[in-house]
């Protein structure tokens, strides 16, 4: 039985705690309502007042907040100065046709390949000279004799 008595006591304590929580919540709600009202009034005070530039309000309260109409300034003088500054007095007497003519479609390829072609040209010249030397060695002729013989043959052809 002792256990039942303690359960009843605990139930009563629980009911009291719940009642205290409800009362506390009710008090905080009333405080929140009051604080919400004060916050709303503070917000209204903090909000900026509207200023109407191009809108003409209908109510009398807002007419005081409208701004005076501003007339646009005259910009014709500024525009005339800019137009005069844009006119050039010098006339181009000669036109360089190379600058006006469009480039060939492969000009950039030729530009990029030109360095490689220079190397290949040197190698080609060396290879041709090497082939000539090999032919001369193969024919077992003296280089001076061949050169002189070619010179003599040319003279004979010139005489004819």
Protein backbone atom coordinates (compact mmCIF):
# COMPACT_ATOMS: atom_id res chain seq x y z
CA UNK A 1 0.00 0.00 0.00
CA UNK A 2 2.84 2.25 0.56
CA UNK A 3 3.53 2.16 -3.14
CA UNK A 4 0.00 3.34 -3.97
CA UNK A 5 0.31 6.29 -1.58
CA UNK A 6 3.53 7.37 -3.10
CA UNK A 7 2.03 7.14 -6.57
CA UNK A 8 -0.86 9.39 -5.53
CA UNK A 9 1.59 11.87 -4.01
CA UNK A 10 3.66 11.89 -7.18
CA UNK A 11 0.51 12.39 -9.30
CA UNK A 12 -0.48 15.37 -7.13
CA UNK A 13 3.01 16.88 -7.43
CA UNK A 14 2.85 16.40 -11.18
CA UNK A 15 -0.53 18.15 -11.38
CA UNK A 16 0.85 21.08 -9.40
CA UNK A 17 3.88 21.36 -11.67
CA UNK A 18 1.64 21.29 -14.79
CA UNK A 19 -0.61 23.96 -13.28
CA UNK A 20 2.42 26.11 -12.50
CA UNK A 21 3.67 25.68 -16.07
CA UNK A 22 0.24 26.67 -17.47
CA UNK A 23 0.13 29.75 -15.27
CA UNK A 24 3.66 30.66 -16.28
CA UNK A 25 2.79 30.22 -19.95
CA UNK A 26 -0.35 32.38 -19.58
CA UNK A 27 1.69 35.13 -17.93
CA UNK A 28 4.33 34.97 -20.66
CA UNK A 29 1.61 35.15 -23.36
CA UNK A 30 0.21 38.33 -21.90
CA UNK A 31 3.74 39.71 -21.64
CA UNK A 32 4.39 38.64 -25.25
CA UNK A 33 1.22 40.37 -26.42
CA UNK A 34 2.27 43.54 -24.65
CA UNK A 35 5.83 43.21 -25.92
CA UNK A 36 4.57 42.52 -29.46
CA UNK A 37 2.53 45.69 -29.35
CA UNK A 38 5.53 47.68 -28.15
CA UNK A 39 7.73 46.05 -30.79
CA UNK A 40 5.23 46.96 -33.51
CA UNK A 41 5.12 50.54 -32.32
CA UNK A 42 8.91 50.64 -32.20
CA UNK A 43 9.06 49.16 -35.71
CA UNK A 44 6.70 51.81 -36.99
CA UNK A 45 8.93 54.43 -35.46
CA UNK A 46 12.05 52.83 -37.01
CA UNK A 47 10.57 52.47 -40.50
CA UNK A 48 11.70 55.15 -42.94
CA UNK A 49 9.15 57.56 -44.20
CA UNK A 50 8.46 57.25 -47.92
CA UNK A 51 9.44 60.05 -50.24
CA UNK A 52 7.47 60.29 -53.47
CA UNK A 53 9.36 61.58 -56.50
CA UNK A 54 7.19 60.70 -59.48
CA UNK A 55 4.06 59.54 -57.64
CA UNK A 56 1.44 61.99 -56.48
CA UNK A 57 -0.31 60.48 -53.43
CA UNK A 58 -4.04 60.87 -53.06
CA UNK A 59 -4.24 61.20 -49.28
CA UNK A 60 -3.57 64.45 -47.53
CA UNK A 61 -1.19 62.82 -45.01
CA UNK A 62 1.13 61.60 -47.74
CA UNK A 63 1.09 64.78 -49.84
CA UNK A 64 3.51 66.33 -47.38
CA UNK A 65 6.01 63.55 -48.10
CA UNK A 66 6.02 64.10 -51.89
CA UNK A 67 9.03 65.85 -53.39
CA UNK A 68 8.94 68.84 -55.70
CA UNK A 69 9.17 68.09 -59.41
CA UNK A 70 12.63 68.69 -60.83
CA UNK A 71 13.04 70.09 -64.31
CA UNK A 72 15.71 68.35 -66.42
CA UNK A 73 18.80 70.39 -67.21
CA UNK A 74 19.68 71.51 -70.71
CA UNK A 75 22.27 69.16 -72.19
CA UNK A 76 22.37 70.51 -75.74
CA UNK A 77 25.62 72.44 -75.10
CA UNK A 78 27.32 69.35 -73.67
CA UNK A 79 26.24 67.24 -76.64
CA UNK A 80 27.43 69.86 -79.14
CA UNK A 81 30.84 69.94 -77.45
CA UNK A 82 31.11 66.16 -77.63
CA UNK A 83 30.13 66.12 -81.32
CA UNK A 84 32.68 68.81 -82.12
CA UNK A 85 35.37 66.89 -80.26
CA UNK A 86 34.53 63.76 -82.27
CA UNK A 87 35.06 65.47 -85.63
CA UNK A 88 38.58 65.05 -86.96
CA UNK A 89 40.21 67.70 -89.08
CA UNK A 90 43.02 65.61 -90.59
CA UNK A 91 42.28 63.76 -93.81
CA UNK A 92 44.02 60.53 -94.70
CA UNK A 93 45.82 61.18 -97.98
CA UNK A 94 47.11 57.70 -98.66
CA UNK A 95 45.51 54.40 -97.86
CA UNK A 96 47.77 51.43 -97.32
CA UNK A 97 46.12 48.60 -99.23
CA UNK A 98 48.13 45.98 -97.35
CA UNK A 99 46.39 46.94 -94.13
CA UNK A 100 42.97 46.94 -95.76
CA UNK A 101 43.30 43.70 -97.70
CA UNK A 102 42.27 40.59 -95.84
CA UNK A 103 44.96 38.07 -95.05
CA UNK A 104 45.11 34.72 -96.70
CA UNK A 105 43.46 31.96 -94.72
CA UNK A 106 46.72 30.10 -94.15
CA UNK A 107 48.89 33.05 -93.10
CA UNK A 108 49.10 31.88 -89.51
CA UNK A 109 50.14 28.38 -90.62
CA UNK A 110 52.95 29.81 -92.71
CA UNK A 111 54.05 31.96 -89.78
CA UNK A 112 54.17 29.00 -87.40
CA UNK A 113 55.90 26.68 -89.88
CA UNK A 114 58.52 29.16 -91.15
CA UNK A 115 61.01 28.40 -88.33
CA UNK A 116 60.80 24.68 -89.02
CA UNK A 117 61.19 25.29 -92.75
CA UNK A 118 64.42 27.24 -92.17
CA UNK A 119 65.90 24.26 -90.35
CA UNK A 120 64.78 21.91 -93.09
CA UNK A 121 66.26 24.18 -95.77
CA UNK A 122 69.67 24.08 -94.07
CA UNK A 123 69.48 20.30 -93.75
CA UNK A 124 68.48 19.99 -97.40
CA UNK A 125 71.47 22.07 -98.52
CA UNK A 126 73.80 19.90 -96.42
CA UNK A 127 72.27 16.74 -97.84
CA UNK A 128 72.69 17.98 -101.43
CA UNK A 129 76.33 18.89 -100.76
CA UNK A 130 76.89 15.45 -99.21
CA UNK A 131 75.35 13.71 -102.24
CA UNK A 132 77.58 15.69 -104.60
CA UNK A 133 80.66 14.71 -102.56
CA UNK A 134 79.64 11.04 -102.64
CA UNK A 135 79.21 11.13 -106.44
CA UNK A 136 82.58 12.72 -106.86
CA UNK A 137 84.21 10.09 -104.67
CA UNK A 138 82.40 7.35 -106.55
CA UNK A 139 83.65 8.57 -109.91
CA UNK A 140 87.20 8.71 -108.50
CA UNK A 141 87.76 12.04 -110.18
CA UNK A 142 89.67 14.89 -108.72
CA UNK A 143 87.45 17.71 -107.53
CA UNK A 144 89.67 20.32 -109.18
CA UNK A 145 89.63 18.38 -112.46
CA UNK A 146 85.84 18.18 -112.45
CA UNK A 147 85.52 21.88 -111.68
CA UNK A 148 88.05 22.73 -114.39
CA UNK A 149 86.39 20.39 -116.83
CA UNK A 150 83.02 21.99 -116.23
CA UNK A 151 84.61 25.40 -116.74
CA UNK A 152 86.26 24.29 -120.01
CA UNK A 153 83.01 22.83 -121.31
CA UNK A 154 81.22 26.10 -120.62
CA UNK A 155 83.86 28.05 -122.51
CA UNK A 156 83.51 25.76 -125.50
CA UNK A 157 79.76 26.19 -125.51
CA UNK A 158 80.17 29.98 -125.29
CA UNK A 159 82.53 29.93 -128.29
CA UNK A 160 80.06 28.06 -130.46
